[in-house]
Amino acid sequence: RNNPNKHAYGKLGMPAGHLEPNESIYETFKREMKEELDIDVTKCEVVQVMNLKGDTDVYDAWFFTCEYTGEIKNMEEENSKSLEWVDISSNIENIMPYQQYALDKYLEGKEKFTVYGWE
């Protein structure tokens, strides 16, 4: 994350975004992948849904796996300094903690719906 004015500056993070009015979660995912990575998602599956308590707000975070066409490019350099592939089966240094938690739960394959940040 490359923008010092946004949350988690300097951390690794997965591509993400927000729902637009009258847009399904699947349409949002496809749009965000096109906007941020310039890929066309041809197939996607929800693998984790998280109820996330942030510092000031509560979010529902959806995590997907997908198949796509195109070559991945960094389309938002103002928000993302670089792109890199990482081994998700290992603890990823410097990733946003809630995303590491989602990856861990995905790899365990037991819980598709989780909560994070609640006491």
N, C-alpha and C. Protein backbone atom coordinates (compact mmCIF):
# COMPACT_ATOMS: atom_id res chain seq x y z
N ARG A 1 0.86 -1.18 0.00
CA ARG A 1 0.00 0.00 0.00
C ARG A 1 0.88 1.22 0.00
N ASN A 2 0.65 2.09 -0.96
CA ASN A 2 1.59 3.16 -1.28
C ASN A 2 1.11 4.56 -0.89
N ASN A 3 -0.11 4.69 -0.41
CA ASN A 3 -0.64 6.02 -0.12
C ASN A 3 -0.55 6.29 1.38
N PRO A 4 0.31 7.23 1.81
CA PRO A 4 0.48 7.51 3.24
C PRO A 4 -0.78 8.07 3.89
N ASN A 5 -1.75 8.50 3.11
CA ASN A 5 -2.99 9.04 3.66
C ASN A 5 -4.08 7.98 3.83
N LYS A 6 -3.75 6.74 3.49
CA LYS A 6 -4.75 5.67 3.60
C LYS A 6 -4.32 4.65 4.65
N HIS A 7 -5.31 3.88 5.10
CA HIS A 7 -5.09 2.84 6.10
C HIS A 7 -4.03 1.84 5.63
N ALA A 8 -3.22 1.37 6.56
CA ALA A 8 -2.24 0.30 6.36
C ALA A 8 -1.13 0.68 5.36
N TYR A 9 -0.74 1.94 5.37
CA TYR A 9 0.36 2.39 4.52
C TYR A 9 1.60 1.54 4.76
N GLY A 10 2.25 1.10 3.69
CA GLY A 10 3.46 0.31 3.78
C GLY A 10 3.24 -1.18 3.94
N LYS A 11 2.02 -1.61 4.12
CA LYS A 11 1.72 -3.03 4.29
C LYS A 11 1.40 -3.68 2.95
N LEU A 12 1.59 -4.98 2.90
CA LEU A 12 1.12 -5.74 1.75
C LEU A 12 -0.39 -5.91 1.89
N GLY A 13 -1.07 -5.89 0.78
CA GLY A 13 -2.51 -6.09 0.80
C GLY A 13 -3.00 -6.64 -0.52
N MET A 14 -4.10 -7.36 -0.44
CA MET A 14 -4.73 -7.89 -1.64
C MET A 14 -5.52 -6.78 -2.34
N PRO A 15 -5.74 -6.92 -3.63
CA PRO A 15 -6.61 -5.95 -4.31
C PRO A 15 -7.97 -5.92 -3.61
N ALA A 16 -8.55 -4.74 -3.51
CA ALA A 16 -9.82 -4.62 -2.78
C ALA A 16 -10.59 -3.41 -3.29
N GLY A 17 -11.83 -3.32 -2.87
CA GLY A 17 -12.63 -2.17 -3.26
C GLY A 17 -13.97 -2.17 -2.56
N HIS A 18 -14.83 -1.30 -3.00
CA HIS A 18 -16.15 -1.14 -2.40
C HIS A 18 -17.24 -1.39 -3.43
N LEU A 19 -18.38 -1.84 -2.93
CA LEU A 19 -19.55 -2.03 -3.78
C LEU A 19 -20.04 -0.70 -4.31
N GLU A 20 -20.49 -0.71 -5.54
CA GLU A 20 -21.16 0.43 -6.14
C GLU A 20 -22.67 0.17 -6.04
N PRO A 21 -23.50 1.21 -6.09
CA PRO A 21 -24.95 0.99 -6.04
C PRO A 21 -25.41 0.04 -7.15
N ASN A 22 -26.33 -0.82 -6.81
CA ASN A 22 -26.93 -1.79 -7.75
C ASN A 22 -25.90 -2.73 -8.37
N GLU A 23 -24.88 -3.08 -7.61
CA GLU A 23 -23.83 -3.98 -8.11
C GLU A 23 -23.74 -5.17 -7.16
N SER A 24 -23.71 -6.38 -7.71
CA SER A 24 -23.56 -7.57 -6.87
C SER A 24 -22.11 -7.70 -6.43
N ILE A 25 -21.88 -8.53 -5.45
CA ILE A 25 -20.51 -8.76 -4.96
C ILE A 25 -19.63 -9.34 -6.08
N TYR A 26 -20.22 -10.15 -6.95
CA TYR A 26 -19.46 -10.73 -8.06
C TYR A 26 -19.10 -9.66 -9.10
N GLU A 27 -20.05 -8.79 -9.39
CA GLU A 27 -19.78 -7.69 -10.33
C GLU A 27 -18.71 -6.76 -9.77
N THR A 28 -18.79 -6.51 -8.46
CA THR A 28 -17.78 -5.66 -7.81
C THR A 28 -16.40 -6.28 -7.95
N PHE A 29 -16.29 -7.58 -7.66
CA PHE A 29 -15.00 -8.26 -7.74
C PHE A 29 -14.42 -8.16 -9.15
N LYS A 30 -15.24 -8.44 -10.14
CA LYS A 30 -14.77 -8.38 -11.53
C LYS A 30 -14.35 -6.97 -11.91
N ARG A 31 -15.13 -5.97 -11.51
CA ARG A 31 -14.80 -4.58 -11.83
C ARG A 31 -13.49 -4.17 -11.15
N GLU A 32 -13.35 -4.50 -9.87
CA GLU A 32 -12.14 -4.12 -9.14
C GLU A 32 -10.89 -4.79 -9.73
N MET A 33 -10.99 -6.04 -10.15
CA MET A 33 -9.84 -6.72 -10.74
C MET A 33 -9.46 -6.08 -12.07
N LYS A 34 -10.46 -5.62 -12.82
CA LYS A 34 -10.17 -4.92 -14.07
C LYS A 34 -9.53 -3.56 -13.78
N GLU A 35 -10.09 -2.81 -12.83
CA GLU A 35 -9.56 -1.49 -12.51
C GLU A 35 -8.15 -1.54 -11.92
N GLU A 36 -7.91 -2.48 -11.01
CA GLU A 36 -6.64 -2.51 -10.29
C GLU A 36 -5.55 -3.32 -10.98
N LEU A 37 -5.95 -4.40 -11.68
CA LEU A 37 -4.96 -5.31 -12.26
C LEU A 37 -5.05 -5.46 -13.77
N ASP A 38 -6.07 -4.90 -14.38
CA ASP A 38 -6.29 -4.98 -15.83
C ASP A 38 -6.48 -6.42 -16.30
N ILE A 39 -7.17 -7.23 -15.48
CA ILE A 39 -7.50 -8.60 -15.90
C ILE A 39 -9.01 -8.74 -16.02
N ASP A 40 -9.42 -9.70 -16.83
CA ASP A 40 -10.83 -10.02 -17.00
C ASP A 40 -11.10 -11.34 -16.29
N VAL A 41 -11.87 -11.28 -15.22
CA VAL A 41 -12.21 -12.48 -14.45
C VAL A 41 -13.21 -13.30 -15.25
N THR A 42 -12.88 -14.58 -15.48
CA THR A 42 -13.76 -15.46 -16.24
C THR A 42 -14.53 -16.41 -15.34
N LYS A 43 -14.02 -16.62 -14.12
CA LYS A 43 -14.67 -17.51 -13.16
C LYS A 43 -14.19 -17.08 -11.78
N CYS A 44 -15.12 -17.01 -10.82
CA CYS A 44 -14.70 -16.66 -9.46
C CYS A 44 -15.54 -17.41 -8.45
N GLU A 45 -14.95 -17.59 -7.28
CA GLU A 45 -15.62 -18.30 -6.19
C GLU A 45 -15.31 -17.60 -4.88
N VAL A 46 -16.35 -17.38 -4.08
CA VAL A 46 -16.16 -16.83 -2.74
C VAL A 46 -15.57 -17.93 -1.86
N VAL A 47 -14.44 -17.64 -1.22
CA VAL A 47 -13.79 -18.64 -0.38
C VAL A 47 -13.74 -18.23 1.10
N GLN A 48 -14.03 -16.96 1.37
CA GLN A 48 -14.01 -16.49 2.75
C GLN A 48 -14.86 -15.22 2.83
N VAL A 49 -15.71 -15.14 3.84
CA VAL A 49 -16.47 -13.93 4.14
C VAL A 49 -16.18 -13.59 5.59
N MET A 50 -15.74 -12.35 5.82
CA MET A 50 -15.31 -11.96 7.16
C MET A 50 -16.07 -10.73 7.63
N ASN A 51 -16.58 -10.81 8.86
CA ASN A 51 -17.14 -9.64 9.53
C ASN A 51 -15.99 -9.00 10.29
N LEU A 52 -15.59 -7.81 9.84
CA LEU A 52 -14.35 -7.18 10.29
C LEU A 52 -14.64 -5.90 11.06
N LYS A 53 -14.16 -5.83 12.28
CA LYS A 53 -14.29 -4.61 13.08
C LYS A 53 -13.01 -3.80 12.92
N GLY A 54 -13.12 -2.67 12.24
CA GLY A 54 -11.98 -1.78 12.06
C GLY A 54 -11.88 -0.80 13.21
N ASP A 55 -11.02 0.19 13.05
CA ASP A 55 -10.83 1.20 14.10
C ASP A 55 -12.09 2.03 14.32
N THR A 56 -12.79 2.36 13.25
CA THR A 56 -13.97 3.23 13.38
C THR A 56 -15.22 2.66 12.73
N ASP A 57 -15.10 1.64 11.90
CA ASP A 57 -16.24 1.09 11.17
C ASP A 57 -16.23 -0.43 11.21
N VAL A 58 -17.35 -0.99 10.80
CA VAL A 58 -17.48 -2.44 10.65
C VAL A 58 -17.65 -2.74 9.16
N TYR A 59 -16.95 -3.76 8.68
CA TYR A 59 -16.97 -4.12 7.26
C TYR A 59 -17.31 -5.59 7.10
N ASP A 60 -17.81 -5.95 5.95
CA ASP A 60 -17.89 -7.33 5.52
C ASP A 60 -16.89 -7.46 4.38
N ALA A 61 -15.87 -8.27 4.58
CA ALA A 61 -14.83 -8.47 3.57
C ALA A 61 -15.05 -9.82 2.89
N TRP A 62 -15.05 -9.81 1.58
CA TRP A 62 -15.26 -11.01 0.77
C TRP A 62 -13.94 -11.35 0.08
N PHE A 63 -13.55 -12.61 0.15
CA PHE A 63 -12.31 -13.07 -0.46
C PHE A 63 -12.66 -14.11 -1.52
N PHE A 64 -11.99 -14.01 -2.68
CA PHE A 64 -12.29 -14.85 -3.83
C PHE A 64 -11.04 -15.57 -4.33
N THR A 65 -11.26 -16.68 -5.00
CA THR A 65 -10.28 -17.23 -5.92
C THR A 65 -10.88 -17.00 -7.31
N CYS A 66 -10.00 -16.98 -8.33
CA CYS A 66 -10.56 -16.74 -9.65
C CYS A 66 -9.66 -17.29 -10.75
N GLU A 67 -10.27 -17.38 -11.91
CA GLU A 67 -9.56 -17.61 -13.16
C GLU A 67 -9.73 -16.33 -13.96
N TYR A 68 -8.74 -16.01 -14.79
CA TYR A 68 -8.79 -14.74 -15.51
C TYR A 68 -8.02 -14.83 -16.82
N THR A 69 -8.29 -13.85 -17.66
CA THR A 69 -7.49 -13.67 -18.87
C THR A 69 -6.82 -12.31 -18.78
N GLY A 70 -5.71 -12.18 -19.50
CA GLY A 70 -4.96 -10.94 -19.50
C GLY A 70 -3.69 -11.06 -18.68
N GLU A 71 -2.87 -10.04 -18.77
CA GLU A 71 -1.61 -9.99 -18.03
C GLU A 71 -1.77 -9.02 -16.87
N ILE A 72 -1.47 -9.46 -15.68
CA ILE A 72 -1.62 -8.63 -14.49
C ILE A 72 -0.67 -7.44 -14.56
N LYS A 73 -1.26 -6.24 -14.34
CA LYS A 73 -0.48 -5.00 -14.34
C LYS A 73 -0.92 -4.16 -13.14
N ASN A 74 -0.04 -3.35 -12.64
CA ASN A 74 -0.38 -2.43 -11.56
C ASN A 74 -1.02 -1.19 -12.17
N MET A 75 -2.34 -1.09 -12.05
CA MET A 75 -3.07 0.01 -12.65
C MET A 75 -3.30 1.17 -11.67
N GLU A 76 -2.88 0.99 -10.43
CA GLU A 76 -3.12 2.02 -9.42
C GLU A 76 -1.84 2.30 -8.64
N GLU A 77 -0.83 2.80 -9.33
CA GLU A 77 0.46 3.04 -8.68
C GLU A 77 0.38 4.04 -7.54
N GLU A 78 -0.62 4.93 -7.57
CA GLU A 78 -0.77 5.87 -6.47
C GLU A 78 -1.19 5.16 -5.17
N ASN A 79 -1.79 3.98 -5.30
CA ASN A 79 -2.23 3.21 -4.13
C ASN A 79 -1.38 1.97 -3.88
N SER A 80 -0.69 1.50 -4.90
CA SER A 80 0.09 0.27 -4.78
C SER A 80 1.47 0.47 -5.41
N LYS A 81 2.49 0.41 -4.57
CA LYS A 81 3.85 0.66 -5.06
C LYS A 81 4.31 -0.41 -6.05
N SER A 82 3.93 -1.65 -5.78
CA SER A 82 4.36 -2.74 -6.65
C SER A 82 3.42 -3.92 -6.48
N LEU A 83 3.59 -4.90 -7.35
CA LEU A 83 2.84 -6.15 -7.26
C LEU A 83 3.84 -7.27 -7.02
N GLU A 84 3.43 -8.26 -6.24
CA GLU A 84 4.28 -9.42 -6.08
C GLU A 84 3.45 -10.65 -5.77
N TRP A 85 3.94 -11.78 -6.23
CA TRP A 85 3.32 -13.06 -5.92
C TRP A 85 3.95 -13.57 -4.62
N VAL A 86 3.13 -14.11 -3.75
CA VAL A 86 3.62 -14.67 -2.49
C VAL A 86 3.05 -16.06 -2.30
N ASP A 87 3.74 -16.86 -1.51
CA ASP A 87 3.29 -18.20 -1.16
C ASP A 87 2.29 -18.08 -0.02
N ILE A 88 1.01 -18.32 -0.31
CA ILE A 88 0.00 -18.14 0.73
C ILE A 88 0.02 -19.22 1.80
N SER A 89 0.78 -20.28 1.57
CA SER A 89 0.84 -21.34 2.59
C SER A 89 1.82 -21.02 3.71
N SER A 90 2.51 -19.89 3.61
CA SER A 90 3.42 -19.49 4.67
C SER A 90 2.95 -18.17 5.27
N ASN A 91 3.41 -17.87 6.47
CA ASN A 91 3.07 -16.59 7.08
C ASN A 91 3.73 -15.49 6.26
N ILE A 92 2.93 -14.57 5.75
CA ILE A 92 3.43 -13.53 4.86
C ILE A 92 3.83 -12.32 5.70
N GLU A 93 5.09 -11.95 5.59
CA GLU A 93 5.59 -10.80 6.34
C GLU A 93 4.93 -9.52 5.86
N ASN A 94 4.52 -8.70 6.79
CA ASN A 94 4.05 -7.35 6.52
C ASN A 94 2.70 -7.27 5.82
N ILE A 95 1.93 -8.36 5.78
CA ILE A 95 0.58 -8.28 5.21
C ILE A 95 -0.38 -7.75 6.28
N MET A 96 -1.47 -7.14 5.86
CA MET A 96 -2.46 -6.68 6.81
C MET A 96 -2.96 -7.88 7.61
N PRO A 97 -2.98 -7.79 8.94
CA PRO A 97 -3.30 -8.94 9.78
C PRO A 97 -4.63 -9.62 9.46
N TYR A 98 -5.67 -8.86 9.17
CA TYR A 98 -6.95 -9.50 8.89
C TYR A 98 -6.88 -10.33 7.60
N GLN A 99 -6.04 -9.90 6.65
CA GLN A 99 -5.91 -10.67 5.41
C GLN A 99 -5.12 -11.96 5.66
N GLN A 100 -4.12 -11.92 6.52
CA GLN A 100 -3.40 -13.15 6.87
C GLN A 100 -4.36 -14.13 7.56
N TYR A 101 -5.21 -13.60 8.43
CA TYR A 101 -6.20 -14.44 9.12
C TYR A 101 -7.13 -15.10 8.11
N ALA A 102 -7.60 -14.33 7.13
CA ALA A 102 -8.49 -14.88 6.10
C ALA A 102 -7.77 -15.96 5.29
N LEU A 103 -6.51 -15.73 4.95
CA LEU A 103 -5.74 -16.75 4.23
C LEU A 103 -5.59 -18.01 5.07
N ASP A 104 -5.29 -17.85 6.35
CA ASP A 104 -5.14 -19.01 7.23
C ASP A 104 -6.43 -19.82 7.28
N LYS A 105 -7.56 -19.14 7.43
CA LYS A 105 -8.86 -19.84 7.48
C LYS A 105 -9.18 -20.51 6.15
N TYR A 106 -8.86 -19.85 5.05
CA TYR A 106 -9.07 -20.45 3.73
C TYR A 106 -8.25 -21.73 3.59
N LEU A 107 -6.99 -21.67 3.99
CA LEU A 107 -6.12 -22.85 3.87
C LEU A 107 -6.55 -23.98 4.79
N GLU A 108 -7.10 -23.65 5.96
CA GLU A 108 -7.62 -24.68 6.87
C GLU A 108 -8.84 -25.37 6.25
N GLY A 109 -9.59 -24.63 5.45
CA GLY A 109 -10.75 -25.19 4.77
C GLY A 109 -11.93 -25.52 5.66
N LYS A 110 -11.94 -25.01 6.89
CA LYS A 110 -13.00 -25.36 7.83
C LYS A 110 -14.09 -24.30 7.91
N GLU A 111 -13.71 -23.04 7.96
CA GLU A 111 -14.67 -21.97 8.16
C GLU A 111 -14.69 -21.04 6.95
N LYS A 112 -15.84 -20.90 6.35
CA LYS A 112 -15.97 -19.95 5.24
C LYS A 112 -16.40 -18.58 5.75
N PHE A 113 -17.04 -18.55 6.92
CA PHE A 113 -17.50 -17.30 7.51
C PHE A 113 -16.77 -17.08 8.82
N THR A 114 -16.08 -15.95 8.94
CA THR A 114 -15.28 -15.67 10.14
C THR A 114 -15.52 -14.24 10.61
N VAL A 115 -15.03 -13.96 11.80
CA VAL A 115 -15.05 -12.61 12.35
C VAL A 115 -13.64 -12.25 12.73
N TYR A 116 -13.33 -10.93 12.71
CA TYR A 116 -11.99 -10.47 13.05
C TYR A 116 -12.09 -9.09 13.69
N GLY A 117 -11.33 -8.89 14.76
CA GLY A 117 -11.24 -7.59 15.40
C GLY A 117 -12.21 -7.37 16.54
N TRP A 118 -13.03 -8.37 16.81
CA TRP A 118 -13.98 -8.27 17.91
C TRP A 118 -13.35 -8.89 19.15
N GLU A 119 -13.57 -8.27 20.29
CA GLU A 119 -13.03 -8.81 21.57
C GLU A 119 -13.80 -10.02 22.00
